[in-house]
Amino acid sequence: MPHAPASTSQGIDKTLVLQLNPTSLPLCYVRGQNGMLMPNLDFLTLYILIFLNSLAVAAVWAGFAYSYRPHRAALHWLGATLLTLLGGIVLAIQGNEGALVPAVVGNTIIIFGFTQFWVGLRRFRHQSGGQALAVAVTLIAAAAMIAMHDSARGRAIVYAAGQSSVMLLCLIHLVRNRLPGIGAIIAVSAFAVAMAGQWLVIGSNWALLANLLDYSLYYSLASYALLCTVFSATVWNLGFALMSVDRLQLTLRRLSETDELTGLANRRAFQQRMDALQAAPDGREHSLILIDLNDFKPLNDRHGHTAGDEALRHLARLLTGIGGSNLVARLGGDEFAVLLPEAGLSQAEHLAATIRKTLAASPLKLSDDTVTLSASLGVSAASEGADLFALADQRLYSEKHLGKGRQAHRPKSALEFVKTAQNGGLDRALNPPVTPASAAPARHHRPSG
């Protein structure tokens, strides 16, 4: 924070003209050597403003940290605002005369508080560490301020440099990680404005030391730079709050689209993705595989529902490993689906064959038994011109009706399926000639011994 002005500073008339403005902050007008009155915000009032502003922001982060625990980033941002609050109280003690000890201690606390904003950003990205650098920056700034005990201008430069360096760390972190949402943009803008204010303080103090700037103009610039930092801090905390809300909304959306048992996409996510593919204006090819476990109820009855849950997780792991970048979803119960966004019918059938082989070659190991699973599958493609889900579902249950472990002869198209139904009846369409499938029916192997 800038060093508080003394009324006897060189280049300023010893008489300060005070004007109390009932609609704004108290203003202090300083008469320069040229006789012109310069507006200068009262520093004691600004330090009180820091206190009140930090108190309000701390209340917000306390609410976040309590309501959405564990929210590690919110805890660090709460700590940062409380430290800034404490620093503002200490700075208020120095008054407009700028006593050395409160000035050094208050600004040291505030610099450390600013480092906690950066540490909080790291926690927001689930990154550890950062406290060692935070302590190092604070200690270096404190040592430099003590070394400048006989130079008010030198201490002011250190204050501003310490704060702006931490702001730069926050700015780099936000830009490098490219956090989505408007909150990150607001925080980046606020840090940029606050840094500009601190650089103005540094530049104006160097100009004073070089006798290039009038004291009256310096105090006006310094007070407004401090005010800029105070309000920028409010804005970047608003950005952090919006980032937190976006993160919570994303978490809720993921929960609403994820099957709790298997971790796969649920029916809602699957339906949204399939609807988007079917509504695409380019009409790109896509296909679907529906999977239904065979003998799932007997498995539950024999080994219990815990074994049934493990069978579902087992199939989910296999499908995830085989499916690659395709969408694998659990639709409910023992029904699963694989949606292939850019694959035709032949590719989908090849993947279906791989699923059968992998399932047959990967028995489920239970605590008291080993079970080889099998499944009935139905495959369809958008190029067949029928309802993608209905056609795949029809073929799945045709295969299941024919007998577990046997693969139904697939009509070449939806039109062939309809013609078969018209010529030979629905029963013939649902029960076409069959060929042996690569999957065997579910078998139970009890370990020897």
Protein backbone atom coordinates (compact mmCIF):
# COMPACT_ATOMS: atom_id res chain seq x y z
CA MET A 1 0.00 0.00 0.00
CA PRO A 2 1.24 3.54 -0.69
CA HIS A 3 2.84 5.39 2.20
CA ALA A 4 0.42 7.75 3.94
CA PRO A 5 1.12 11.43 3.24
CA ALA A 6 2.51 13.78 5.83
CA SER A 7 1.18 17.32 5.82
CA THR A 8 4.66 18.78 5.89
CA SER A 9 5.98 16.99 2.78
CA GLN A 10 8.21 18.97 0.45
CA GLY A 11 6.44 20.87 -2.29
CA ILE A 12 3.05 20.98 -0.57
CA ASP A 13 1.49 23.84 1.30
CA LYS A 14 1.32 22.88 4.99
CA THR A 15 -2.40 23.62 5.08
CA LEU A 16 -4.61 20.77 3.84
CA VAL A 17 -8.02 21.84 2.67
CA LEU A 18 -10.56 19.19 3.78
CA GLN A 19 -13.93 18.85 2.15
CA LEU A 20 -16.48 16.35 3.44
CA ASN A 21 -18.60 15.11 0.56
CA PRO A 22 -21.76 13.46 1.90
CA THR A 23 -22.30 11.46 -1.29
CA SER A 24 -18.82 9.98 -1.63
CA LEU A 25 -15.56 9.34 0.18
CA PRO A 26 -14.08 12.20 2.19
CA LEU A 27 -11.85 14.19 -0.13
CA CYS A 28 -8.65 15.99 0.71
CA TYR A 29 -7.47 18.81 -1.55
CA VAL A 30 -3.75 19.55 -1.53
CA ARG A 31 -2.37 22.91 -2.75
CA GLY A 32 0.72 22.41 -4.88
CA GLN A 33 3.61 24.84 -5.55
CA ASN A 34 1.78 26.24 -8.55
CA GLY A 35 -1.18 27.14 -6.33
CA MET A 36 -3.55 24.59 -7.90
CA LEU A 37 -5.73 22.43 -5.66
CA MET A 38 -5.31 18.70 -6.39
CA PRO A 39 -7.91 16.11 -5.27
CA ASN A 40 -6.41 13.62 -2.82
CA LEU A 41 -8.38 10.85 -1.12
CA ASP A 42 -7.82 10.67 2.61
CA PHE A 43 -5.61 7.63 3.32
CA LEU A 44 -7.11 6.87 6.74
CA THR A 45 -10.52 6.64 5.09
CA LEU A 46 -9.08 4.32 2.44
CA TYR A 47 -7.64 1.98 5.08
CA ILE A 48 -11.06 1.85 6.75
CA LEU A 49 -12.50 1.07 3.32
CA ILE A 50 -10.04 -1.84 3.02
CA PHE A 51 -11.34 -3.12 6.36
CA LEU A 52 -15.01 -2.93 5.38
CA ASN A 53 -14.43 -4.32 1.89
CA SER A 54 -12.42 -7.28 3.21
CA LEU A 55 -15.06 -7.95 5.86
CA ALA A 56 -17.79 -8.21 3.22
CA VAL A 57 -15.73 -10.48 0.95
CA ALA A 58 -14.70 -12.66 3.94
CA ALA A 59 -18.38 -13.19 4.75
CA VAL A 60 -18.97 -14.42 1.18
CA TRP A 61 -16.06 -16.91 1.28
CA ALA A 62 -17.07 -18.08 4.74
CA GLY A 63 -20.47 -18.94 3.30
CA PHE A 64 -18.89 -20.78 0.35
CA ALA A 65 -16.47 -22.70 2.54
CA TYR A 66 -19.26 -23.76 4.91
CA SER A 67 -21.97 -24.56 2.35
CA TYR A 68 -19.82 -26.38 -0.19
CA ARG A 69 -17.24 -28.08 2.00
CA PRO A 70 -14.77 -29.41 1.32
CA HIS A 71 -13.90 -26.43 -0.90
CA ARG A 72 -10.18 -26.01 -0.36
CA ALA A 73 -9.85 -23.03 -2.67
CA ALA A 74 -12.60 -21.17 -0.80
CA LEU A 75 -10.77 -21.77 2.49
CA HIS A 76 -7.60 -20.18 1.09
CA TRP A 77 -9.54 -17.26 -0.37
CA LEU A 78 -11.28 -16.81 2.97
CA GLY A 79 -7.86 -16.78 4.67
CA ALA A 80 -6.62 -14.26 2.11
CA THR A 81 -9.47 -11.83 2.78
CA LEU A 82 -9.11 -12.22 6.56
CA LEU A 83 -5.39 -11.43 6.30
CA THR A 84 -6.19 -8.41 4.14
CA LEU A 85 -8.74 -7.40 6.76
CA LEU A 86 -6.12 -7.66 9.50
CA GLY A 87 -3.61 -5.75 7.38
CA GLY A 88 -6.13 -2.97 6.84
CA ILE A 89 -6.68 -2.67 10.60
CA VAL A 90 -2.94 -2.40 11.22
CA LEU A 91 -2.53 0.18 8.44
CA ALA A 92 -5.34 2.28 9.90
CA ILE A 93 -3.27 2.61 13.08
CA GLN A 94 -0.53 4.50 11.23
CA GLY A 95 -2.94 7.29 10.35
CA ASN A 96 -2.03 9.91 7.80
CA GLU A 97 1.42 10.37 9.32
CA GLY A 98 2.58 6.93 8.10
CA ALA A 99 4.17 5.45 11.27
CA LEU A 100 6.92 2.99 10.30
CA VAL A 101 6.05 -0.14 12.31
CA PRO A 102 2.31 -0.31 11.46
CA ALA A 103 3.13 0.48 7.83
CA VAL A 104 5.66 -2.35 7.52
CA VAL A 105 3.63 -4.89 9.52
CA GLY A 106 0.33 -4.04 7.81
CA ASN A 107 1.72 -4.24 4.30
CA THR A 108 3.58 -7.49 5.10
CA ILE A 109 0.32 -9.07 6.25
CA ILE A 110 -1.47 -7.85 3.13
CA ILE A 111 1.25 -9.21 0.82
CA PHE A 112 1.01 -12.61 2.50
CA GLY A 113 -2.78 -12.40 2.19
CA PHE A 114 -2.43 -11.77 -1.55
CA THR A 115 -0.23 -14.87 -1.88
CA GLN A 116 -3.11 -16.93 -0.49
CA PHE A 117 -5.24 -15.89 -3.45
CA TRP A 118 -2.61 -17.51 -5.65
CA VAL A 119 -2.42 -20.63 -3.45
CA GLY A 120 -6.22 -20.82 -3.59
CA LEU A 121 -6.08 -20.76 -7.40
CA ARG A 122 -3.70 -23.70 -7.26
CA ARG A 123 -6.08 -25.62 -5.00
CA PHE A 124 -8.93 -24.77 -7.35
CA ARG A 125 -6.99 -26.64 -10.06
CA HIS A 126 -6.27 -29.49 -7.60
CA GLN A 127 -2.59 -28.55 -7.45
CA SER A 128 -0.58 -28.88 -4.26
CA GLY A 129 2.26 -26.71 -2.94
CA GLY A 130 2.76 -22.98 -3.25
CA GLN A 131 3.07 -22.06 0.42
CA ALA A 132 6.87 -22.11 0.40
CA LEU A 133 6.96 -19.52 -2.39
CA ALA A 134 4.24 -17.49 -0.62
CA VAL A 135 6.31 -17.32 2.56
CA ALA A 136 9.49 -16.51 0.61
CA VAL A 137 7.87 -13.60 -1.26
CA THR A 138 6.46 -12.23 2.00
CA LEU A 139 9.77 -12.46 3.88
CA ILE A 140 11.70 -10.83 1.02
CA ALA A 141 9.20 -7.95 0.92
CA ALA A 142 9.35 -7.52 4.72
CA ALA A 143 13.16 -7.49 4.71
CA ALA A 144 13.23 -4.93 1.91
CA MET A 145 10.75 -2.69 3.74
CA ILE A 146 12.84 -2.84 6.92
CA ALA A 147 15.97 -2.03 4.92
CA MET A 148 14.16 1.05 3.57
CA HIS A 149 13.22 2.27 7.06
CA ASP A 150 14.66 5.71 6.39
CA SER A 151 13.09 6.14 2.94
CA ALA A 152 9.33 6.50 2.69
CA ARG A 153 9.54 6.44 -1.10
CA GLY A 154 11.64 3.28 -1.08
CA ARG A 155 9.14 1.52 1.20
CA ALA A 156 6.29 2.57 -1.07
CA ILE A 157 8.09 1.00 -4.03
CA VAL A 158 8.59 -2.24 -2.08
CA TYR A 159 4.92 -2.29 -1.01
CA ALA A 160 3.73 -1.95 -4.58
CA ALA A 161 6.32 -4.34 -6.03
CA GLY A 162 5.44 -7.05 -3.50
CA GLN A 163 1.72 -6.82 -4.19
CA SER A 164 2.08 -6.58 -7.96
CA SER A 165 4.40 -9.61 -8.10
CA VAL A 166 1.75 -11.76 -6.42
CA MET A 167 -0.94 -10.35 -8.72
CA LEU A 168 1.27 -11.31 -11.66
CA LEU A 169 1.50 -14.89 -10.33
CA CYS A 170 -2.31 -15.06 -10.18
CA LEU A 171 -2.65 -13.57 -13.65
CA ILE A 172 -0.17 -16.04 -15.17
CA HIS A 173 -1.91 -18.96 -13.45
CA LEU A 174 -5.32 -17.96 -14.79
CA VAL A 175 -4.08 -17.37 -18.34
CA ARG A 176 -1.91 -20.50 -18.47
CA ASN A 177 -4.66 -22.83 -17.22
CA ARG A 178 -7.35 -21.25 -19.42
CA LEU A 179 -10.15 -21.79 -16.96
CA PRO A 180 -13.52 -21.77 -18.72
CA GLY A 181 -16.33 -19.34 -18.00
CA ILE A 182 -16.76 -15.61 -17.52
CA GLY A 183 -15.42 -15.74 -13.94
CA ALA A 184 -11.83 -16.32 -15.08
CA ILE A 185 -12.09 -13.44 -17.56
CA ILE A 186 -13.36 -11.12 -14.82
CA ALA A 187 -10.55 -12.18 -12.46
CA VAL A 188 -7.87 -11.70 -15.14
CA SER A 189 -9.19 -8.22 -15.95
CA ALA A 190 -9.28 -7.24 -12.27
CA PHE A 191 -5.71 -8.41 -11.67
CA ALA A 192 -4.53 -6.51 -14.76
CA VAL A 193 -6.16 -3.27 -13.55
CA ALA A 194 -4.79 -3.70 -10.01
CA MET A 195 -1.29 -4.35 -11.36
CA ALA A 196 -1.52 -1.21 -13.48
CA GLY A 197 -2.37 0.74 -10.34
CA GLN A 198 0.60 -0.71 -8.45
CA TRP A 199 2.96 0.01 -11.34
CA LEU A 200 1.67 3.59 -11.30
CA VAL A 201 2.69 3.77 -7.62
CA ILE A 202 6.15 2.40 -8.42
CA GLY A 203 6.64 4.80 -11.32
CA SER A 204 5.42 7.85 -9.42
CA ASN A 205 7.73 7.11 -6.48
CA TRP A 206 10.72 6.76 -8.79
CA ALA A 207 9.71 10.08 -10.38
CA LEU A 208 9.60 11.68 -6.91
CA LEU A 209 13.07 10.38 -6.09
CA ALA A 210 14.32 11.84 -9.38
CA ASN A 211 12.53 15.16 -8.70
CA LEU A 212 10.43 14.69 -11.83
CA LEU A 213 7.03 14.81 -10.12
CA ASP A 214 5.29 17.26 -7.86
CA TYR A 215 4.27 15.87 -4.45
CA SER A 216 0.71 17.10 -4.82
CA LEU A 217 0.24 15.10 -8.01
CA TYR A 218 1.95 12.07 -6.45
CA TYR A 219 -0.45 11.94 -3.48
CA SER A 220 -3.43 12.16 -5.80
CA LEU A 221 -2.08 9.33 -7.96
CA ALA A 222 -1.15 7.20 -4.94
CA SER A 223 -4.53 7.53 -3.26
CA TYR A 224 -6.41 6.64 -6.43
CA ALA A 225 -4.06 3.71 -7.09
CA LEU A 226 -4.89 2.39 -3.63
CA LEU A 227 -8.60 2.80 -4.30
CA CYS A 228 -8.14 0.98 -7.61
CA THR A 229 -6.52 -1.97 -5.80
CA VAL A 230 -9.29 -2.13 -3.21
CA PHE A 231 -12.08 -2.33 -5.78
CA SER A 232 -10.08 -4.60 -8.11
CA ALA A 233 -9.77 -7.05 -5.20
CA THR A 234 -13.55 -7.07 -4.89
CA VAL A 235 -13.88 -7.73 -8.62
CA TRP A 236 -11.38 -10.59 -8.73
CA ASN A 237 -13.12 -12.19 -5.74
CA LEU A 238 -16.35 -11.91 -7.72
CA GLY A 239 -14.56 -13.69 -10.56
CA PHE A 240 -13.43 -16.43 -8.18
CA ALA A 241 -17.00 -16.82 -6.91
CA LEU A 242 -18.31 -17.20 -10.47
CA MET A 243 -15.57 -19.76 -11.17
CA SER A 244 -16.72 -21.71 -8.12
CA VAL A 245 -20.35 -21.60 -9.23
CA ASP A 246 -19.33 -22.83 -12.70
CA ARG A 247 -17.37 -25.67 -11.11
CA LEU A 248 -20.35 -26.65 -8.94
CA GLN A 249 -22.69 -26.58 -11.94
CA LEU A 250 -20.26 -28.74 -13.92
CA THR A 251 -20.08 -31.21 -11.04
CA LEU A 252 -23.87 -31.39 -10.82
CA ARG A 253 -24.15 -31.89 -14.57
CA ARG A 254 -21.62 -34.71 -14.49
CA LEU A 255 -23.49 -36.35 -11.63
CA SER A 256 -26.75 -36.08 -13.54
CA GLU A 257 -25.17 -37.72 -16.61
CA THR A 258 -23.13 -40.45 -14.87
CA ASP A 259 -24.24 -43.90 -13.75
CA GLU A 260 -23.35 -44.14 -10.08
CA LEU A 261 -22.58 -47.88 -10.05
CA THR A 262 -20.34 -48.17 -13.12
CA GLY A 263 -19.12 -44.62 -13.72
CA LEU A 264 -20.33 -44.81 -17.33
CA ALA A 265 -22.60 -42.31 -19.02
CA ASN A 266 -26.23 -42.86 -18.02
CA ARG A 267 -29.32 -43.03 -20.24
CA ARG A 268 -29.78 -39.24 -20.14
CA ALA A 269 -26.26 -38.55 -21.43
CA PHE A 270 -26.63 -41.30 -24.04
CA GLN A 271 -29.93 -39.92 -25.30
CA GLN A 272 -28.58 -36.38 -25.53
CA ARG A 273 -25.59 -37.56 -27.56
CA MET A 274 -27.68 -39.70 -29.89
CA ASP A 275 -30.20 -36.89 -30.42
CA ALA A 276 -27.34 -34.53 -31.28
CA LEU A 277 -25.94 -37.00 -33.85
CA GLN A 278 -29.32 -37.55 -35.47
CA ALA A 279 -30.02 -33.81 -35.61
CA ALA A 280 -26.64 -32.97 -37.19
CA PRO A 281 -27.19 -31.16 -40.52
CA ASP A 282 -24.39 -33.06 -42.28
CA GLY A 283 -26.12 -36.39 -41.60
CA ARG A 284 -22.87 -38.14 -40.86
CA GLU A 285 -22.85 -41.91 -40.46
CA HIS A 286 -23.16 -43.36 -36.98
CA SER A 287 -24.08 -46.71 -35.50
CA LEU A 288 -25.24 -48.30 -32.27
CA ILE A 289 -24.60 -51.48 -30.32
CA LEU A 290 -27.02 -52.53 -27.57
CA ILE A 291 -25.81 -55.10 -25.03
CA ASP A 292 -27.90 -57.10 -22.58
CA LEU A 293 -26.29 -59.55 -20.14
CA ASN A 294 -27.58 -63.11 -20.28
CA ASP A 295 -28.67 -64.98 -17.13
CA PHE A 296 -28.31 -61.88 -14.98
CA LYS A 297 -31.24 -62.75 -12.70
CA PRO A 298 -29.97 -66.30 -12.02
CA LEU A 299 -26.57 -64.78 -11.22
CA ASN A 300 -28.21 -62.48 -8.67
CA ASP A 301 -30.26 -65.32 -7.22
CA ARG A 302 -27.29 -67.64 -6.87
CA HIS A 303 -24.54 -65.28 -5.73
CA GLY A 304 -26.45 -62.28 -4.37
CA HIS A 305 -26.90 -58.70 -5.53
CA THR A 306 -23.32 -57.79 -4.62
CA ALA A 307 -22.11 -60.26 -7.23
CA GLY A 308 -24.63 -58.81 -9.69
CA ASP A 309 -23.24 -55.32 -9.12
CA GLU A 310 -19.72 -56.63 -9.64
CA ALA A 311 -20.81 -58.27 -12.91
CA LEU A 312 -22.15 -54.93 -14.13
CA ARG A 313 -18.92 -53.16 -13.18
CA HIS A 314 -16.94 -55.96 -14.85
CA LEU A 315 -18.82 -55.51 -18.12
CA ALA A 316 -18.47 -51.72 -17.85
CA ARG A 317 -14.68 -52.02 -17.53
CA LEU A 318 -14.50 -54.35 -20.54
CA LEU A 319 -16.66 -52.07 -22.68
CA THR A 320 -14.64 -49.00 -21.70
CA GLY A 321 -11.42 -50.75 -22.68
CA ILE A 322 -12.82 -51.97 -26.00
CA GLY A 323 -14.98 -48.98 -26.91
CA GLY A 324 -12.14 -46.50 -27.24
CA SER A 325 -13.38 -42.97 -27.93
CA ASN A 326 -16.97 -44.12 -28.52
CA LEU A 327 -19.66 -43.34 -25.97
CA VAL A 328 -20.24 -46.28 -23.62
CA ALA A 329 -23.37 -45.99 -21.47
CA ARG A 330 -25.41 -48.01 -19.02
CA LEU A 331 -29.05 -47.58 -19.94
CA GLY A 332 -30.43 -49.29 -16.84
CA GLY A 333 -30.41 -52.69 -15.17
CA ASP A 334 -28.15 -55.00 -17.19
CA GLU A 335 -28.58 -53.03 -20.44
CA PHE A 336 -25.62 -51.21 -21.97
CA ALA A 337 -24.98 -49.31 -25.19
CA VAL A 338 -22.03 -48.26 -27.33
CA LEU A 339 -22.65 -45.30 -29.63
CA LEU A 340 -20.17 -45.03 -32.53
CA PRO A 341 -20.33 -41.43 -33.87
CA GLU A 342 -18.42 -41.94 -37.13
CA ALA A 343 -18.68 -45.68 -37.79
CA GLY A 344 -20.80 -47.62 -40.25
CA LEU A 345 -22.57 -50.93 -39.84
CA SER A 346 -19.57 -53.13 -40.66
CA GLN A 347 -17.38 -51.37 -38.09
CA ALA A 348 -20.10 -51.69 -35.46
CA GLU A 349 -20.51 -55.41 -36.20
CA HIS A 350 -16.76 -55.91 -35.92
CA LEU A 351 -16.76 -54.18 -32.52
CA ALA A 352 -19.74 -56.28 -31.43
CA ALA A 353 -17.83 -59.44 -32.30
CA THR A 354 -14.87 -58.18 -30.28
CA ILE A 355 -17.16 -57.55 -27.30
CA ARG A 356 -18.48 -61.13 -27.46
CA LYS A 357 -14.99 -62.62 -27.64
CA THR A 358 -13.59 -60.42 -24.87
CA LEU A 359 -16.53 -61.14 -22.58
CA ALA A 360 -16.19 -64.88 -23.11
CA ALA A 361 -12.43 -64.72 -22.47
CA SER A 362 -12.72 -62.58 -19.31
CA PRO A 363 -14.55 -64.53 -16.59
CA LEU A 364 -15.83 -62.72 -13.55
CA LYS A 365 -13.96 -63.76 -10.42
CA LEU A 366 -16.08 -63.75 -7.30
CA SER A 367 -15.02 -64.59 -3.77
CA ASP A 368 -16.50 -68.11 -3.99
CA ASP A 369 -16.82 -68.77 -7.71
CA THR A 370 -15.72 -67.85 -11.23
CA VAL A 371 -18.45 -67.00 -13.75
CA THR A 372 -18.09 -66.71 -17.51
CA LEU A 373 -20.54 -64.08 -18.72
CA SER A 374 -22.29 -63.82 -22.08
CA ALA A 375 -24.50 -61.18 -23.60
CA SER A 376 -27.01 -60.66 -26.40
CA LEU A 377 -26.19 -57.81 -28.78
CA GLY A 378 -28.09 -55.80 -31.34
CA VAL A 379 -26.40 -53.65 -33.99
CA SER A 380 -27.83 -50.96 -36.26
CA ALA A 381 -26.61 -48.03 -38.33
CA ALA A 382 -28.11 -44.72 -39.38
CA SER A 383 -27.56 -45.63 -43.06
CA GLU A 384 -30.26 -48.33 -42.74
CA GLY A 385 -32.88 -45.61 -42.68
CA ALA A 386 -34.85 -46.82 -39.66
CA ASP A 387 -35.06 -45.78 -36.02
CA LEU A 388 -31.54 -46.51 -34.82
CA PHE A 389 -32.44 -47.56 -31.28
CA ALA A 390 -35.60 -49.51 -32.20
CA LEU A 391 -33.80 -51.54 -34.88
CA ALA A 392 -30.86 -52.41 -32.60
CA ASP A 393 -33.26 -53.27 -29.80
CA GLN A 394 -35.29 -55.52 -32.12
CA ARG A 395 -32.18 -57.38 -33.21
CA LEU A 396 -30.94 -57.75 -29.64
CA TYR A 397 -34.16 -59.40 -28.50
CA SER A 398 -34.31 -61.50 -31.65
CA GLU A 399 -30.91 -62.89 -30.70
CA LYS A 400 -31.97 -63.39 -27.09
CA HIS A 401 -35.20 -65.11 -28.23
CA LEU A 402 -33.27 -67.48 -30.49
CA GLY A 403 -31.16 -68.64 -27.60
CA LYS A 404 -28.30 -67.25 -25.58
CA GLY A 405 -24.96 -67.64 -27.30
CA ARG A 406 -26.39 -67.78 -30.84
CA GLN A 407 -26.20 -64.83 -33.16
CA ALA A 408 -29.21 -64.06 -35.33
CA HIS A 409 -28.86 -63.65 -39.08
CA ARG A 410 -29.18 -59.92 -39.54
CA PRO A 411 -31.38 -58.57 -42.35
CA LYS A 412 -29.25 -56.45 -44.63
CA SER A 413 -31.45 -53.42 -44.01
CA ALA A 414 -34.53 -52.18 -42.24
CA LEU A 415 -36.39 -52.53 -45.57
CA GLU A 416 -35.48 -56.23 -45.74
CA PHE A 417 -36.70 -56.62 -42.15
CA VAL A 418 -40.07 -55.10 -43.10
CA LYS A 419 -40.37 -57.22 -46.26
CA THR A 420 -39.62 -60.37 -44.27
CA ALA A 421 -42.32 -59.45 -41.80
CA GLN A 422 -44.80 -58.83 -44.66
CA ASN A 423 -44.01 -62.03 -46.57
CA GLY A 424 -43.51 -64.50 -43.76
CA GLY A 425 -45.11 -62.86 -40.79
CA LEU A 426 -43.68 -61.13 -37.80
CA ASP A 427 -42.56 -64.40 -36.21
CA ARG A 428 -40.28 -65.15 -39.18
CA ALA A 429 -38.85 -61.63 -39.03
CA LEU A 430 -38.08 -61.99 -35.36
CA ASN A 431 -36.81 -65.59 -35.73
CA PRO A 432 -34.58 -65.72 -38.82
CA PRO A 433 -32.11 -68.55 -39.56
CA VAL A 434 -29.29 -68.63 -37.04
CA THR A 435 -25.58 -69.33 -37.11
CA PRO A 436 -23.33 -70.21 -34.17
CA ALA A 437 -22.07 -67.11 -32.36
CA SER A 438 -18.65 -66.62 -30.92
CA ALA A 439 -20.06 -66.19 -27.43
CA ALA A 440 -20.90 -69.17 -25.25
CA PRO A 441 -23.78 -69.21 -22.77
CA ALA A 442 -23.01 -68.17 -19.23
CA ARG A 443 -21.32 -70.94 -17.31
CA HIS A 444 -20.45 -71.20 -13.64
CA HIS A 445 -17.06 -72.58 -12.62
CA ARG A 446 -16.47 -73.36 -9.01
CA PRO A 447 -12.76 -73.35 -8.15
CA SER A 448 -11.19 -76.74 -7.58
CA GLY A 449 -10.28 -77.62 -4.04
